[in-house]
Amino acid sequence: MKDIDNEELDVLVSLIHRQYGYDFSDYAPSSLKRRFLRFMDHAAIEEVGELTSRLQQDAVFFERMTQFITVNVTEMFRDPLFYRALRELVLPRLATYPIIKIWHAGCATGEEVFSMIILLREAGLLERCRIYATDLNALNLDKAEKAFIPLKCMKDYTQNYQQMGGMEDFSGYYTADHEHAIIHPTLRRNVVFFQHNLVTDQVFNEFQLICCRNVFIYFNRQLQERVLRLFYDSLAPLGYLTLGLKESMLFSGEHRRFEPVSAAYKIFRRKN
């Protein structure tokens, strides 16, 4: 059975940082090892030394690997009751702003972004919104910009939408071909997708809402702390931050700078 010891992991992380500028040193080691091993199985690589050698020689190979070691798990209206809480507790406050700026950090292939724009449209707020969707993984962003969603997923996403309390016929938000649902371009015109690294990049705007759901679970506490500071500095006074349902900020001294709006659904507000 293949395994990666801590020394081998350190060598891999150091090589990637030095050669490609991606810093995974503060990712949770157990999760990172699993992702490297999963990629080794995919690429039919038996030894860590072979993986290291190929990474040194082949940038395209590295891009393939980023699909396995960055966060790609996402779905539309994941945790439907979270979206209901967002609609009831947050959107009425956002409605008081003439322009609403929202950041989806770690957006993966965009399904949560598309969920948000549907929620905003049904609340009559979409035209006032500027949505910035970022990810470390350029291939994820390319998929997100095309707004192609596997058609086989849409039955589950329709159920999520209905459980959230959706107000329309969900199929009206997309067209379909044989394999994909494509979110209508008119819904996406206020969305900008671009690359941003939560580990190294800085504040780039001021937001009324930041969504970063199910990303923290892949970071160690030091990196979680640093990213929370980035989010605090990126939020307008009394702006909102959402995390995944299994994530917490209680470990961090930064939690004193936020107040819970819904502890159950991990919705927080920046203290003034």
Protein backbone atom coordinates (compact mmCIF):
# COMPACT_ATOMS: atom_id res chain seq x y z
CA MET A 1 0.00 0.00 0.00
CA LYS A 2 1.43 3.38 -1.04
CA ASP A 3 2.09 5.99 1.60
CA ILE A 4 3.79 9.37 1.93
CA ASP A 5 5.77 10.08 5.07
CA ASN A 6 6.19 13.56 6.55
CA GLU A 7 9.65 14.06 5.09
CA GLU A 8 8.46 13.15 1.58
CA LEU A 9 5.49 15.48 2.00
CA ASP A 10 7.81 18.33 2.99
CA VAL A 11 9.95 17.71 -0.10
CA LEU A 12 6.87 17.80 -2.37
CA VAL A 13 5.45 20.94 -0.79
CA SER A 14 8.84 22.69 -0.95
CA LEU A 15 9.32 21.75 -4.62
CA ILE A 16 5.87 23.02 -5.59
CA HIS A 17 6.39 26.29 -3.74
CA ARG A 18 9.85 26.85 -5.19
CA GLN A 19 9.05 25.90 -8.79
CA TYR A 20 5.41 26.94 -9.20
CA GLY A 21 4.78 29.49 -6.44
CA TYR A 22 1.92 27.52 -4.81
CA ASP A 23 2.32 27.29 -1.03
CA PHE A 24 0.63 24.24 0.51
CA SER A 25 2.73 24.26 3.68
CA ASP A 26 -0.22 25.26 5.88
CA TYR A 27 -2.70 22.80 4.42
CA ALA A 28 -3.76 20.02 6.79
CA PRO A 29 -1.08 17.31 6.26
CA SER A 30 -3.45 14.31 6.44
CA SER A 31 -5.75 15.79 3.79
CA LEU A 32 -2.82 16.79 1.58
CA LYS A 33 -1.31 13.30 1.74
CA ARG A 34 -4.63 11.74 0.71
CA ARG A 35 -4.85 14.07 -2.26
CA PHE A 36 -1.29 13.35 -3.43
CA LEU A 37 -1.95 9.61 -3.11
CA ARG A 38 -5.19 9.88 -5.04
CA PHE A 39 -3.35 11.64 -7.85
CA MET A 40 -0.59 9.02 -7.82
CA ASP A 41 -3.23 6.32 -8.31
CA HIS A 42 -4.80 8.35 -11.13
CA ALA A 43 -1.43 8.84 -12.84
CA ALA A 44 -0.27 5.21 -12.20
CA ILE A 45 2.72 6.40 -10.17
CA GLU A 46 4.08 3.95 -7.59
CA GLU A 47 6.84 5.94 -5.88
CA VAL A 48 6.96 9.45 -4.44
CA GLY A 49 10.36 9.91 -6.10
CA GLU A 50 8.77 9.45 -9.53
CA LEU A 51 6.11 12.02 -8.67
CA THR A 52 8.78 14.49 -7.57
CA SER A 53 10.81 13.95 -10.74
CA ARG A 54 7.84 14.50 -13.03
CA LEU A 55 6.80 17.64 -11.18
CA GLN A 56 10.31 19.04 -11.66
CA GLN A 57 10.20 18.43 -15.40
CA ASP A 58 6.61 18.96 -16.52
CA ALA A 59 4.48 22.05 -15.80
CA VAL A 60 1.47 20.54 -17.62
CA PHE A 61 1.71 17.52 -15.32
CA PHE A 62 1.63 19.89 -12.34
CA GLU A 63 -1.53 21.56 -13.67
CA ARG A 64 -3.15 18.12 -13.91
CA MET A 65 -2.19 17.45 -10.31
CA THR A 66 -3.74 20.68 -9.02
CA GLN A 67 -7.13 19.20 -9.92
CA PHE A 68 -6.53 16.62 -7.20
CA ILE A 69 -4.86 18.66 -4.46
CA THR A 70 -7.11 21.74 -4.51
CA VAL A 71 -10.71 21.81 -3.35
CA ASN A 72 -13.10 20.82 -6.13
CA VAL A 73 -16.09 19.37 -4.25
CA THR A 74 -19.15 21.59 -4.72
CA GLU A 75 -22.83 21.51 -5.60
CA MET A 76 -25.73 23.87 -6.19
CA PHE A 77 -27.70 24.86 -3.08
CA ARG A 78 -25.59 22.60 -0.89
CA ASP A 79 -27.19 22.60 2.58
CA PRO A 80 -30.52 24.06 1.39
CA LEU A 81 -31.49 25.42 4.81
CA PHE A 82 -28.32 27.51 4.82
CA TYR A 83 -29.58 29.30 1.70
CA ARG A 84 -32.97 29.79 3.32
CA ALA A 85 -31.24 31.37 6.35
CA LEU A 86 -29.15 33.54 4.02
CA ARG A 87 -32.29 34.75 2.25
CA GLU A 88 -34.12 35.51 5.49
CA LEU A 89 -31.31 36.90 7.68
CA VAL A 90 -28.80 38.50 5.30
CA LEU A 91 -30.43 39.56 2.04
CA PRO A 92 -32.78 42.10 3.68
CA ARG A 93 -29.72 43.88 5.10
CA LEU A 94 -27.87 43.70 1.79
CA ALA A 95 -30.93 45.28 0.15
CA THR A 96 -30.14 48.55 1.98
CA TYR A 97 -26.95 49.05 -0.10
CA PRO A 98 -27.09 50.76 -3.50
CA ILE A 99 -24.31 48.47 -4.76
CA ILE A 100 -23.70 45.05 -3.22
CA LYS A 101 -20.27 43.45 -3.53
CA ILE A 102 -19.94 39.72 -2.82
CA TRP A 103 -16.81 37.55 -2.79
CA HIS A 104 -16.98 33.78 -3.28
CA ALA A 105 -13.55 32.64 -2.08
CA GLY A 106 -12.56 29.14 -3.19
CA CYS A 107 -15.42 28.95 -5.69
CA ALA A 108 -14.24 25.68 -7.32
CA THR A 109 -16.28 25.12 -10.51
CA GLY A 110 -18.88 27.75 -9.63
CA GLU A 111 -21.95 25.85 -8.44
CA GLU A 112 -22.28 27.89 -5.24
CA VAL A 113 -21.85 31.10 -7.23
CA PHE A 114 -24.70 30.07 -9.53
CA SER A 115 -26.80 29.26 -6.46
CA MET A 116 -26.13 32.75 -5.11
CA ILE A 117 -27.10 34.55 -8.30
CA ILE A 118 -30.41 32.66 -8.42
CA LEU A 119 -31.06 33.58 -4.78
CA LEU A 120 -30.24 37.23 -5.51
CA ARG A 121 -32.41 37.30 -8.62
CA GLU A 122 -35.41 35.99 -6.72
CA ALA A 123 -34.83 38.66 -4.06
CA GLY A 124 -34.69 41.38 -6.74
CA LEU A 125 -31.08 42.24 -5.91
CA LEU A 126 -29.04 40.72 -8.72
CA GLU A 127 -28.83 43.86 -10.87
CA ARG A 128 -27.24 45.74 -7.96
CA CYS A 129 -24.65 43.06 -7.26
CA ARG A 130 -21.03 42.68 -8.29
CA ILE A 131 -19.87 39.14 -7.60
CA TYR A 132 -16.17 38.23 -7.48
CA ALA A 133 -15.55 34.48 -7.67
CA THR A 134 -12.00 33.33 -7.02
CA ASP A 135 -10.08 30.09 -6.82
CA LEU A 136 -6.49 28.93 -6.77
CA ASN A 137 -7.11 26.42 -9.55
CA ALA A 138 -7.15 27.90 -13.07
CA LEU A 139 -8.86 24.82 -14.53
CA ASN A 140 -11.71 25.18 -12.03
CA LEU A 141 -12.14 28.80 -13.05
CA ASP A 142 -12.24 27.88 -16.73
CA LYS A 143 -15.07 25.44 -16.05
CA ALA A 144 -16.88 27.98 -13.89
CA GLU A 145 -16.73 30.67 -16.57
CA LYS A 146 -18.34 28.31 -19.07
CA ALA A 147 -21.12 27.59 -16.52
CA PHE A 148 -21.42 23.97 -17.69
CA ILE A 149 -22.90 21.66 -15.05
CA PRO A 150 -23.22 17.89 -15.58
CA LEU A 151 -26.85 17.24 -16.50
CA LYS A 152 -26.90 14.13 -14.30
CA CYS A 153 -26.57 16.40 -11.23
CA MET A 154 -29.57 18.57 -11.97
CA LYS A 155 -32.18 16.29 -10.39
CA ASP A 156 -30.42 16.56 -7.02
CA TYR A 157 -29.85 20.30 -7.50
CA THR A 158 -33.53 20.79 -8.28
CA GLN A 159 -34.41 19.06 -5.00
CA ASN A 160 -31.93 21.28 -3.14
CA TYR A 161 -33.47 24.36 -4.75
CA GLN A 162 -36.97 23.30 -3.76
CA GLN A 163 -35.89 22.55 -0.17
CA MET A 164 -34.30 25.98 -0.03
CA GLY A 165 -37.71 27.46 -0.85
CA GLY A 166 -37.05 28.42 -4.46
CA MET A 167 -39.79 30.55 -5.98
CA GLU A 168 -39.57 29.65 -9.68
CA ASP A 169 -39.30 26.68 -12.02
CA PHE A 170 -35.63 25.76 -11.54
CA SER A 171 -35.30 24.55 -15.14
CA GLY A 172 -35.93 28.13 -16.29
CA TYR A 173 -32.46 29.12 -15.08
CA TYR A 174 -30.55 26.96 -17.56
CA THR A 175 -30.55 25.43 -21.00
CA ALA A 176 -29.44 21.86 -21.63
CA ASP A 177 -27.64 19.79 -24.21
CA HIS A 178 -27.07 16.02 -24.08
CA GLU A 179 -24.53 16.20 -21.24
CA HIS A 180 -24.68 19.63 -19.60
CA ALA A 181 -26.92 22.24 -18.10
CA ILE A 182 -25.70 25.76 -18.96
CA ILE A 183 -26.65 28.60 -16.61
CA HIS A 184 -28.16 31.47 -18.62
CA PRO A 185 -25.60 34.17 -19.56
CA THR A 186 -27.95 36.96 -18.48
CA LEU A 187 -27.70 35.69 -14.90
CA ARG A 188 -23.90 35.65 -15.03
CA ARG A 189 -23.16 39.08 -16.44
CA ASN A 190 -22.32 40.61 -13.04
CA VAL A 191 -19.95 37.79 -12.09
CA VAL A 192 -16.16 37.98 -12.53
CA PHE A 193 -14.05 34.82 -12.15
CA PHE A 194 -10.33 35.17 -11.50
CA GLN A 195 -7.41 33.50 -9.78
CA HIS A 196 -6.70 34.41 -6.15
CA ASN A 197 -4.56 32.57 -3.62
CA LEU A 198 -5.89 32.76 -0.06
CA VAL A 199 -2.45 31.74 1.24
CA THR A 200 -0.45 34.60 -0.28
CA ASP A 201 -2.72 37.22 -1.88
CA GLN A 202 -4.09 40.29 -0.16
CA VAL A 203 -7.27 42.37 0.14
CA PHE A 204 -8.50 43.46 -3.31
CA ASN A 205 -11.89 45.10 -2.56
CA GLU A 206 -14.43 45.80 0.17
CA PHE A 207 -17.39 43.44 0.41
CA GLN A 208 -20.77 43.29 2.08
CA LEU A 209 -20.72 39.47 1.96
CA ILE A 210 -17.93 36.89 1.75
CA CYS A 211 -18.76 33.21 1.20
CA CYS A 212 -16.02 30.69 1.88
CA ARG A 213 -17.76 27.41 2.55
CA ASN A 214 -15.99 24.08 3.08
CA VAL A 215 -12.52 25.43 2.36
CA PHE A 216 -11.22 25.91 5.93
CA ILE A 217 -11.41 22.18 6.63
CA TYR A 218 -8.38 21.72 4.35
CA PHE A 219 -6.23 24.31 6.17
CA ASN A 220 -4.30 24.02 9.41
CA ARG A 221 -5.12 26.45 12.21
CA GLN A 222 -2.33 28.86 11.39
CA LEU A 223 -3.62 29.31 7.86
CA GLN A 224 -7.24 29.50 9.03
CA GLU A 225 -6.23 32.33 11.35
CA ARG A 226 -4.47 34.20 8.55
CA VAL A 227 -7.41 33.82 6.16
CA LEU A 228 -9.88 35.01 8.80
CA ARG A 229 -7.80 38.18 9.18
CA LEU A 230 -7.91 38.62 5.40
CA PHE A 231 -11.69 38.27 5.41
CA TYR A 232 -12.11 40.70 8.31
CA ASP A 233 -9.99 43.28 6.48
CA SER A 234 -11.98 42.68 3.28
CA LEU A 235 -15.42 43.18 4.83
CA ALA A 236 -17.28 46.45 5.10
CA PRO A 237 -18.35 47.35 8.65
CA LEU A 238 -21.17 44.98 9.62
CA GLY A 239 -20.46 42.88 6.51
CA TYR A 240 -21.27 39.17 6.54
CA LEU A 241 -19.07 36.05 6.37
CA THR A 242 -20.33 32.50 5.79
CA LEU A 243 -18.42 29.27 6.44
CA GLY A 244 -19.26 25.61 5.90
CA LEU A 245 -21.52 23.85 8.40
CA LYS A 246 -18.63 21.76 9.77
CA GLU A 247 -16.29 24.74 10.09
CA SER A 248 -15.69 26.98 13.09
CA MET A 249 -13.84 30.15 14.02
CA LEU A 250 -14.02 29.57 17.79
CA PHE A 251 -10.42 28.28 17.84
CA SER A 252 -9.22 31.68 16.66
CA GLY A 253 -8.69 34.98 18.42
CA GLU A 254 -10.28 36.49 15.32
CA HIS A 255 -13.70 35.19 16.39
CA ARG A 256 -14.01 38.13 18.80
CA ARG A 257 -14.14 40.44 15.80
CA PHE A 258 -17.27 38.71 14.47
CA GLU A 259 -20.71 38.11 15.93
CA PRO A 260 -22.89 35.11 15.05
CA VAL A 261 -26.00 35.82 13.02
CA SER A 262 -26.83 32.12 12.80
CA ALA A 263 -24.54 29.75 14.72
CA ALA A 264 -26.35 26.75 13.22
CA TYR A 265 -25.72 27.84 9.62
CA LYS A 266 -22.33 29.49 10.22
CA ILE A 267 -23.33 32.99 9.24
CA PHE A 268 -21.32 35.74 10.96
CA ARG A 269 -21.17 39.52 10.87
CA ARG A 270 -18.11 41.73 11.21
CA LYS A 271 -18.31 43.85 14.31
CA ASN A 272 -18.22 47.58 13.70
